Amino acid sequence: MDTHAIRLPFLSVIIPVFNEEENLKPLFTELVDVLNSLNKTCEVIFIDDGSKDGSLAVLKDLQKTFSGIRIIKFKKNCGQTSAFDAGIKAAQGEVIVTMDADLQNDPRDIPKLLEKIGDFDAVCGWRQKRNDSFIRRISSRIANAVRNKLSGESIKDVGCSLKAFRSVYAKKMKLYTGLHRFFPTLIKMEGGRVTEVAVNHRPRKYGAPKYNIRNRMVRSFIDLLAVCWMKKRILTYEIEE
């Protein structure tokens, strides 16, 4: 037995980054306070999704102050699903938390998600009070309603990136571009139990949203059709002997 084996972290926090230079230091300051309060071994995986600003330099500076930071850098911008996929594959923790880098997700909500892990295999944040423009709130509400109607789900807020997963289920997901919006459905397809908890949602202070209504609505509807097809075609056989 190797008596010098490295102790694996309990928690892996996965954060995609695309041109979020101004948000990274305040986000990490808040996040470290929360992680320290957990009294658990933790790692934070930042995925630089082809940023053109100084995000990577900021991340490398932060890495000097916290040994638990890991950085994955993409050669070019590949999108949020790719970033989450790379982070999930690299994660070593028993539990995985995903969140955005734009400061709209509140790190202080992470303990609320972790309280439900064990009873559930995925815990999804529900932004009960949205701090977005009227148009974005309405478009999100319509998108959620359409997704739930066609996919047979009842998730209130599939667009919230703040989620917690048991790693064994997260790593089973086979992701394609855009399917990060359907994490709850994909977990259920693997036999996992999913719930939601209300979380804080803060207004964006720095930078700009990375998508508009057109590319959000049209692309996500096409992705929804693919997920509906997957649900109908999933293999459900049981071996008797």
C-alpha atoms as a PDB file:
ATOM      1  CA  MET A   1       0.000   0.000   0.000  1.00  0.00           C
ATOM      2  CA  ASP A   2       1.218   3.474  -0.883  1.00  0.00           C
ATOM      3  CA  THR A   3       1.308   5.357   2.423  1.00  0.00           C
ATOM      4  CA  HIS A   4       2.077   8.580   0.548  1.00  0.00           C
ATOM      5  CA  ALA A   5      -1.046   8.509  -1.643  1.00  0.00           C
ATOM      6  CA  ILE A   6      -2.521  11.905  -2.403  1.00  0.00           C
ATOM      7  CA  ARG A   7      -5.795  12.584  -0.612  1.00  0.00           C
ATOM      8  CA  LEU A   8      -8.505  13.254  -3.180  1.00  0.00           C
ATOM      9  CA  PRO A   9     -10.788  16.267  -2.631  1.00  0.00           C
ATOM     10  CA  PHE A  10     -14.355  15.858  -1.433  1.00  0.00           C
ATOM     11  CA  LEU A  11     -15.585  18.763  -3.562  1.00  0.00           C
ATOM     12  CA  SER A  12     -14.710  19.954  -7.063  1.00  0.00           C
ATOM     13  CA  VAL A  13     -16.023  23.382  -8.100  1.00  0.00           C
ATOM     14  CA  ILE A  14     -16.121  23.857 -11.871  1.00  0.00           C
ATOM     15  CA  ILE A  15     -16.224  27.392 -13.291  1.00  0.00           C
ATOM     16  CA  PRO A  16     -16.157  28.169 -17.043  1.00  0.00           C
ATOM     17  CA  VAL A  17     -14.528  31.512 -17.843  1.00  0.00           C
ATOM     18  CA  PHE A  18     -14.939  33.569 -20.988  1.00  0.00           C
ATOM     19  CA  ASN A  19     -13.762  37.189 -20.777  1.00  0.00           C
ATOM     20  CA  GLU A  20     -14.540  37.640 -17.064  1.00  0.00           C
ATOM     21  CA  GLU A  21     -11.326  39.386 -16.022  1.00  0.00           C
ATOM     22  CA  GLU A  22     -12.973  41.858 -13.613  1.00  0.00           C
ATOM     23  CA  ASN A  23     -15.163  39.254 -11.913  1.00  0.00           C
ATOM     24  CA  LEU A  24     -12.591  36.592 -11.068  1.00  0.00           C
ATOM     25  CA  LYS A  25     -10.873  38.063  -8.004  1.00  0.00           C
ATOM     26  CA  PRO A  26     -14.073  39.072  -6.150  1.00  0.00           C
ATOM     27  CA  LEU A  27     -15.659  35.739  -7.058  1.00  0.00           C
ATOM     28  CA  PHE A  28     -12.708  33.765  -5.760  1.00  0.00           C
ATOM     29  CA  THR A  29     -12.528  35.794  -2.544  1.00  0.00           C
ATOM     30  CA  GLU A  30     -16.153  34.900  -1.798  1.00  0.00           C
ATOM     31  CA  LEU A  31     -15.687  31.300  -2.885  1.00  0.00           C
ATOM     32  CA  VAL A  32     -12.649  30.667  -0.675  1.00  0.00           C
ATOM     33  CA  ASP A  33     -14.525  31.929   2.386  1.00  0.00           C
ATOM     34  CA  VAL A  34     -17.332  29.468   1.676  1.00  0.00           C
ATOM     35  CA  LEU A  35     -15.015  26.538   0.961  1.00  0.00           C
ATOM     36  CA  ASN A  36     -13.037  27.149   4.154  1.00  0.00           C
ATOM     37  CA  SER A  37     -16.271  27.048   6.149  1.00  0.00           C
ATOM     38  CA  LEU A  38     -17.078  23.565   4.843  1.00  0.00           C
ATOM     39  CA  ASN A  39     -14.085  21.899   6.498  1.00  0.00           C
ATOM     40  CA  LYS A  40     -13.775  19.649   3.465  1.00  0.00           C
ATOM     41  CA  THR A  41     -10.954  19.093   0.997  1.00  0.00           C
ATOM     42  CA  CYS A  42     -11.747  21.096  -2.133  1.00  0.00           C
ATOM     43  CA  GLU A  43     -10.435  21.929  -5.564  1.00  0.00           C
ATOM     44  CA  VAL A  44     -11.519  24.694  -7.932  1.00  0.00           C
ATOM     45  CA  ILE A  45     -11.247  24.046 -11.658  1.00  0.00           C
ATOM     46  CA  PHE A  46     -11.369  27.101 -13.905  1.00  0.00           C
ATOM     47  CA  ILE A  47     -11.846  26.445 -17.623  1.00  0.00           C
ATOM     48  CA  ASP A  48     -10.615  29.374 -19.729  1.00  0.00           C
ATOM     49  CA  ASP A  49     -12.876  29.082 -22.758  1.00  0.00           C
ATOM     50  CA  GLY A  50     -10.674  31.033 -25.168  1.00  0.00           C
ATOM     51  CA  SER A  51     -10.804  34.359 -23.334  1.00  0.00           C
ATOM     52  CA  LYS A  52      -9.423  37.382 -25.191  1.00  0.00           C
ATOM     53  CA  ASP A  53      -8.999  39.611 -22.148  1.00  0.00           C
ATOM     54  CA  GLY A  54      -6.722  39.170 -19.134  1.00  0.00           C
ATOM     55  CA  SER A  55      -8.730  36.354 -17.533  1.00  0.00           C
ATOM     56  CA  LEU A  56      -5.960  33.773 -17.826  1.00  0.00           C
ATOM     57  CA  ALA A  57      -3.389  36.070 -16.200  1.00  0.00           C
ATOM     58  CA  VAL A  58      -5.768  36.710 -13.298  1.00  0.00           C
ATOM     59  CA  LEU A  59      -6.344  32.973 -12.860  1.00  0.00           C
ATOM     60  CA  LYS A  60      -2.610  32.288 -12.769  1.00  0.00           C
ATOM     61  CA  ASP A  61      -2.179  34.973 -10.098  1.00  0.00           C
ATOM     62  CA  LEU A  62      -4.963  33.407  -8.035  1.00  0.00           C
ATOM     63  CA  GLN A  63      -3.330  30.015  -8.418  1.00  0.00           C
ATOM     64  CA  LYS A  64      -0.303  31.336  -6.552  1.00  0.00           C
ATOM     65  CA  THR A  65      -2.478  32.061  -3.508  1.00  0.00           C
ATOM     66  CA  PHE A  66      -4.498  28.823  -3.395  1.00  0.00           C
ATOM     67  CA  SER A  67      -2.967  25.448  -4.142  1.00  0.00           C
ATOM     68  CA  GLY A  68      -6.359  23.911  -4.894  1.00  0.00           C
ATOM     69  CA  ILE A  69      -6.818  25.870  -8.129  1.00  0.00           C
ATOM     70  CA  ARG A  70      -6.504  23.988 -11.414  1.00  0.00           C
ATOM     71  CA  ILE A  71      -6.657  25.753 -14.776  1.00  0.00           C
ATOM     72  CA  ILE A  72      -7.720  24.256 -18.081  1.00  0.00           C
ATOM     73  CA  LYS A  73      -7.142  26.499 -21.090  1.00  0.00           C
ATOM     74  CA  PHE A  74      -8.922  25.917 -24.404  1.00  0.00           C
ATOM     75  CA  LYS A  75      -7.149  26.844 -27.637  1.00  0.00           C
ATOM     76  CA  LYS A  76     -10.287  28.662 -28.778  1.00  0.00           C
ATOM     77  CA  ASN A  77     -13.776  29.478 -27.557  1.00  0.00           C
ATOM     78  CA  CYS A  78     -15.809  26.249 -27.551  1.00  0.00           C
ATOM     79  CA  GLY A  79     -18.822  27.160 -25.444  1.00  0.00           C
ATOM     80  CA  GLN A  80     -20.172  26.469 -21.987  1.00  0.00           C
ATOM     81  CA  THR A  81     -21.062  22.820 -22.538  1.00  0.00           C
ATOM     82  CA  SER A  82     -17.500  22.012 -23.608  1.00  0.00           C
ATOM     83  CA  ALA A  83     -16.130  23.863 -20.591  1.00  0.00           C
ATOM     84  CA  PHE A  84     -18.386  21.975 -18.178  1.00  0.00           C
ATOM     85  CA  ASP A  85     -17.519  18.686 -19.885  1.00  0.00           C
ATOM     86  CA  ALA A  86     -13.778  19.287 -19.567  1.00  0.00           C
ATOM     87  CA  GLY A  87     -14.185  20.267 -15.930  1.00  0.00           C
ATOM     88  CA  ILE A  88     -16.340  17.260 -15.057  1.00  0.00           C
ATOM     89  CA  LYS A  89     -13.866  14.882 -16.693  1.00  0.00           C
ATOM     90  CA  ALA A  90     -10.962  16.466 -14.815  1.00  0.00           C
ATOM     91  CA  ALA A  91     -12.747  16.655 -11.446  1.00  0.00           C
ATOM     92  CA  GLN A  92     -11.441  14.422  -8.686  1.00  0.00           C
ATOM     93  CA  GLY A  93     -14.065  15.212  -6.066  1.00  0.00           C
ATOM     94  CA  GLU A  94     -16.823  12.966  -4.774  1.00  0.00           C
ATOM     95  CA  VAL A  95     -19.196  15.884  -5.310  1.00  0.00           C
ATOM     96  CA  ILE A  96     -19.111  18.375  -8.193  1.00  0.00           C
ATOM     97  CA  VAL A  97     -20.492  21.918  -8.103  1.00  0.00           C
ATOM     98  CA  THR A  98     -20.878  23.959 -11.280  1.00  0.00           C
ATOM     99  CA  MET A  99     -21.305  27.723 -11.380  1.00  0.00           C
ATOM    100  CA  ASP A 100     -20.773  30.795 -13.557  1.00  0.00           C
ATOM    101  CA  ALA A 101     -17.860  33.222 -13.274  1.00  0.00           C
ATOM    102  CA  ASP A 102     -19.926  36.399 -13.688  1.00  0.00           C
ATOM    103  CA  LEU A 103     -20.735  36.877  -9.954  1.00  0.00           C
ATOM    104  CA  GLN A 104     -24.470  36.345 -10.534  1.00  0.00           C
ATOM    105  CA  ASN A 105     -24.326  32.946  -8.804  1.00  0.00           C
ATOM    106  CA  ASP A 106     -23.754  33.369  -5.057  1.00  0.00           C
ATOM    107  CA  PRO A 107     -21.067  31.040  -3.610  1.00  0.00           C
ATOM    108  CA  ARG A 108     -22.840  31.241  -0.241  1.00  0.00           C
ATOM    109  CA  ASP A 109     -25.582  29.041  -1.704  1.00  0.00           C
ATOM    110  CA  ILE A 110     -23.193  26.102  -2.160  1.00  0.00           C
ATOM    111  CA  PRO A 111     -23.785  24.702   1.376  1.00  0.00           C
ATOM    112  CA  LYS A 112     -27.544  24.626   0.653  1.00  0.00           C
ATOM    113  CA  LEU A 113     -26.908  22.458  -2.390  1.00  0.00           C
ATOM    114  CA  LEU A 114     -24.568  20.148  -0.501  1.00  0.00           C
ATOM    115  CA  GLU A 115     -27.158  19.574   2.238  1.00  0.00           C
ATOM    116  CA  LYS A 116     -29.343  17.778  -0.318  1.00  0.00           C
ATOM    117  CA  ILE A 117     -26.606  15.640  -1.864  1.00  0.00           C
ATOM    118  CA  GLY A 118     -26.958  12.123  -0.565  1.00  0.00           C
ATOM    119  CA  ASP A 119     -30.739  12.246  -0.571  1.00  0.00           C
ATOM    120  CA  PHE A 120     -30.422  13.287  -4.222  1.00  0.00           C
ATOM    121  CA  ASP A 121     -27.835  12.769  -6.961  1.00  0.00           C
ATOM    122  CA  ALA A 122     -28.207  16.249  -8.469  1.00  0.00           C
ATOM    123  CA  VAL A 123     -29.351  19.481  -6.820  1.00  0.00           C
ATOM    124  CA  CYS A 124     -30.223  22.355  -9.156  1.00  0.00           C
ATOM    125  CA  GLY A 125     -30.285  26.009  -8.193  1.00  0.00           C
ATOM    126  CA  TRP A 126     -33.565  27.826  -8.799  1.00  0.00           C
ATOM    127  CA  ARG A 127     -33.216  31.594  -9.228  1.00  0.00           C
ATOM    128  CA  GLN A 128     -36.448  32.470  -7.468  1.00  0.00           C
ATOM    129  CA  LYS A 129     -35.860  36.229  -7.818  1.00  0.00           C
ATOM    130  CA  ARG A 130     -34.105  36.990 -11.091  1.00  0.00           C
ATOM    131  CA  ASN A 131     -31.850  40.050 -11.390  1.00  0.00           C
ATOM    132  CA  ASP A 132     -31.988  40.266 -15.175  1.00  0.00           C
ATOM    133  CA  SER A 133     -33.704  42.485 -17.696  1.00  0.00           C
ATOM    134  CA  PHE A 134     -37.429  42.033 -18.304  1.00  0.00           C
ATOM    135  CA  ILE A 135     -36.784  40.564 -21.758  1.00  0.00           C
ATOM    136  CA  ARG A 136     -34.326  37.990 -20.425  1.00  0.00           C
ATOM    137  CA  ARG A 137     -36.681  36.987 -17.601  1.00  0.00           C
ATOM    138  CA  ILE A 138     -39.615  36.514 -19.990  1.00  0.00           C
ATOM    139  CA  SER A 139     -37.552  34.612 -22.562  1.00  0.00           C
ATOM    140  CA  SER A 140     -36.218  32.335 -19.827  1.00  0.00           C
ATOM    141  CA  ARG A 141     -39.714  31.682 -18.475  1.00  0.00           C
ATOM    142  CA  ILE A 142     -40.995  30.778 -21.940  1.00  0.00           C
ATOM    143  CA  ALA A 143     -37.985  28.556 -22.620  1.00  0.00           C
ATOM    144  CA  ASN A 144     -38.453  26.702 -19.317  1.00  0.00           C
ATOM    145  CA  ALA A 145     -42.146  26.144 -20.007  1.00  0.00           C
ATOM    146  CA  VAL A 146     -41.495  24.787 -23.506  1.00  0.00           C
ATOM    147  CA  ARG A 147     -38.686  22.509 -22.309  1.00  0.00           C
ATOM    148  CA  ASN A 148     -40.776  21.082 -19.505  1.00  0.00           C
ATOM    149  CA  LYS A 149     -43.819  20.561 -21.718  1.00  0.00           C
ATOM    150  CA  LEU A 150     -41.964  18.701 -24.461  1.00  0.00           C
ATOM    151  CA  SER A 151     -39.513  16.802 -22.274  1.00  0.00           C
ATOM    152  CA  GLY A 152     -41.953  15.811 -19.540  1.00  0.00           C
ATOM    153  CA  GLU A 153     -39.955  17.592 -16.832  1.00  0.00           C
ATOM    154  CA  SER A 154     -40.936  19.963 -14.007  1.00  0.00           C
ATOM    155  CA  ILE A 155     -37.657  21.845 -13.484  1.00  0.00           C
ATOM    156  CA  LYS A 156     -38.317  25.499 -12.640  1.00  0.00           C
ATOM    157  CA  ASP A 157     -34.976  26.895 -13.804  1.00  0.00           C
ATOM    158  CA  VAL A 158     -32.823  24.805 -16.136  1.00  0.00           C
ATOM    159  CA  GLY A 159     -30.732  27.873 -17.004  1.00  0.00           C
ATOM    160  CA  CYS A 160     -29.160  28.293 -13.567  1.00  0.00           C
ATOM    161  CA  SER A 161     -25.545  27.101 -13.684  1.00  0.00           C
ATOM    162  CA  LEU A 162     -25.314  26.674  -9.911  1.00  0.00           C
ATOM    163  CA  LYS A 163     -25.780  22.937  -9.446  1.00  0.00           C
ATOM    164  CA  ALA A 164     -24.337  20.100  -7.379  1.00  0.00           C
ATOM    165  CA  PHE A 165     -23.875  16.518  -8.548  1.00  0.00           C
ATOM    166  CA  ARG A 166     -22.632  13.277  -7.153  1.00  0.00           C
ATOM    167  CA  SER A 167     -19.568  12.776  -9.322  1.00  0.00           C
ATOM    168  CA  VAL A 168     -20.459   9.190 -10.226  1.00  0.00           C
ATOM    169  CA  TYR A 169     -23.570  10.482 -12.016  1.00  0.00           C
ATOM    170  CA  ALA A 170     -22.062  13.619 -13.528  1.00  0.00           C
ATOM    171  CA  LYS A 171     -19.307  11.600 -15.181  1.00  0.00           C
ATOM    172  CA  LYS A 172     -21.860   9.306 -16.833  1.00  0.00           C
ATOM    173  CA  MET A 173     -23.381  12.153 -18.842  1.00  0.00           C
ATOM    174  CA  LYS A 174     -22.579  12.181 -22.549  1.00  0.00           C
ATOM    175  CA  LEU A 175     -22.581  15.839 -23.517  1.00  0.00           C
ATOM    176  CA  TYR A 176     -23.001  17.594 -26.847  1.00  0.00           C
ATOM    177  CA  THR A 177     -22.975  21.309 -27.586  1.00  0.00           C
ATOM    178  CA  GLY A 178     -25.836  23.043 -25.777  1.00  0.00           C
ATOM    179  CA  LEU A 179     -26.810  20.134 -23.544  1.00  0.00           C
ATOM    180  CA  HIS A 180     -25.632  21.819 -20.331  1.00  0.00           C
ATOM    181  CA  ARG A 181     -29.178  23.243 -20.235  1.00  0.00           C
ATOM    182  CA  PHE A 182     -30.491  19.696 -19.791  1.00  0.00           C
ATOM    183  CA  PHE A 183     -28.296  18.411 -16.960  1.00  0.00           C
ATOM    184  CA  PRO A 184     -31.327  17.420 -14.804  1.00  0.00           C
ATOM    185  CA  THR A 185     -32.820  15.343 -17.619  1.00  0.00           C
ATOM    186  CA  LEU A 186     -29.492  13.695 -18.421  1.00  0.00           C
ATOM    187  CA  ILE A 187     -28.976  12.767 -14.766  1.00  0.00           C
ATOM    188  CA  LYS A 188     -32.478  11.252 -14.615  1.00  0.00           C
ATOM    189  CA  MET A 189     -31.727   9.259 -17.763  1.00  0.00           C
ATOM    190  CA  GLU A 190     -28.845   7.690 -15.836  1.00  0.00           C
ATOM    191  CA  GLY A 191     -31.177   6.743 -12.990  1.00  0.00           C
ATOM    192  CA  GLY A 192     -30.297   9.688 -10.741  1.00  0.00           C
ATOM    193  CA  ARG A 193     -32.580  11.563  -8.359  1.00  0.00           C
ATOM    194  CA  VAL A 194     -32.912  15.321  -8.961  1.00  0.00           C
ATOM    195  CA  THR A 195     -34.260  18.182  -6.858  1.00  0.00           C
ATOM    196  CA  GLU A 196     -34.164  22.008  -6.814  1.00  0.00           C
ATOM    197  CA  VAL A 197     -33.420  24.575  -4.112  1.00  0.00           C
ATOM    198  CA  ALA A 198     -34.009  28.324  -4.226  1.00  0.00           C
ATOM    199  CA  VAL A 199     -30.776  30.307  -4.615  1.00  0.00           C
ATOM    200  CA  ASN A 200     -29.743  33.931  -4.740  1.00  0.00           C
ATOM    201  CA  HIS A 201     -29.306  35.654  -8.108  1.00  0.00           C
ATOM    202  CA  ARG A 202     -27.304  38.842  -8.281  1.00  0.00           C
ATOM    203  CA  PRO A 203     -27.120  41.548 -10.958  1.00  0.00           C
ATOM    204  CA  ARG A 204     -24.095  41.509 -13.240  1.00  0.00           C
ATOM    205  CA  LYS A 205     -21.599  44.213 -12.238  1.00  0.00           C
ATOM    206  CA  TYR A 206     -18.865  43.779 -14.833  1.00  0.00           C
ATOM    207  CA  GLY A 207     -18.778  42.593 -18.416  1.00  0.00           C
ATOM    208  CA  ALA A 208     -21.644  41.638 -20.678  1.00  0.00           C
ATOM    209  CA  PRO A 209     -23.820  38.518 -21.157  1.00  0.00           C
ATOM    210  CA  LYS A 210     -22.304  36.033 -23.581  1.00  0.00           C
ATOM    211  CA  TYR A 211     -25.477  35.243 -25.509  1.00  0.00           C
ATOM    212  CA  ASN A 212     -28.529  37.014 -26.922  1.00  0.00           C
ATOM    213  CA  ILE A 213     -32.170  35.944 -27.048  1.00  0.00           C
ATOM    214  CA  ARG A 214     -32.009  34.707 -30.623  1.00  0.00           C
ATOM    215  CA  ASN A 215     -29.085  32.317 -30.192  1.00  0.00           C
ATOM    216  CA  ARG A 216     -30.474  31.186 -26.845  1.00  0.00           C
ATOM    217  CA  MET A 217     -34.032  30.425 -27.959  1.00  0.00           C
ATOM    218  CA  VAL A 218     -33.379  28.932 -31.390  1.00  0.00           C
ATOM    219  CA  ARG A 219     -30.398  26.768 -30.465  1.00  0.00           C
ATOM    220  CA  SER A 220     -31.906  25.550 -27.210  1.00  0.00           C
ATOM    221  CA  PHE A 221     -35.115  24.512 -28.991  1.00  0.00           C
ATOM    222  CA  ILE A 222     -33.108  22.417 -31.447  1.00  0.00           C
ATOM    223  CA  ASP A 223     -31.234  20.882 -28.510  1.00  0.00           C
ATOM    224  CA  LEU A 224     -34.565  20.167 -26.810  1.00  0.00           C
ATOM    225  CA  LEU A 225     -35.747  18.128 -29.783  1.00  0.00           C
ATOM    226  CA  ALA A 226     -32.546  16.085 -29.598  1.00  0.00           C
ATOM    227  CA  VAL A 227     -33.014  15.439 -25.871  1.00  0.00           C
ATOM    228  CA  CYS A 228     -36.639  14.389 -26.397  1.00  0.00           C
ATOM    229  CA  TRP A 229     -35.433  11.902 -29.022  1.00  0.00           C
ATOM    230  CA  MET A 230     -32.782  10.596 -26.620  1.00  0.00           C
ATOM    231  CA  LYS A 231     -35.347  10.072 -23.854  1.00  0.00           C
ATOM    232  CA  LYS A 232     -37.563   8.042 -26.174  1.00  0.00           C
ATOM    233  CA  ARG A 233     -34.664   5.956 -27.488  1.00  0.00           C
ATOM    234  CA  ILE A 234     -32.776   5.298 -24.259  1.00  0.00           C
ATOM    235  CA  LEU A 235     -32.018   1.616 -23.623  1.00  0.00           C
ATOM    236  CA  THR A 236     -33.927   0.266 -20.614  1.00  0.00           C
ATOM    237  CA  TYR A 237     -33.395  -3.493 -20.756  1.00  0.00           C
ATOM    238  CA  GLU A 238     -32.862  -5.617 -17.627  1.00  0.00           C
ATOM    239  CA  ILE A 239     -30.926  -8.877 -17.610  1.00  0.00           C
ATOM    240  CA  GLU A 240     -32.849 -11.633 -15.822  1.00  0.00           C
ATOM    241  CA  GLU A 241     -30.158 -14.311 -15.955  1.00  0.00           C
END
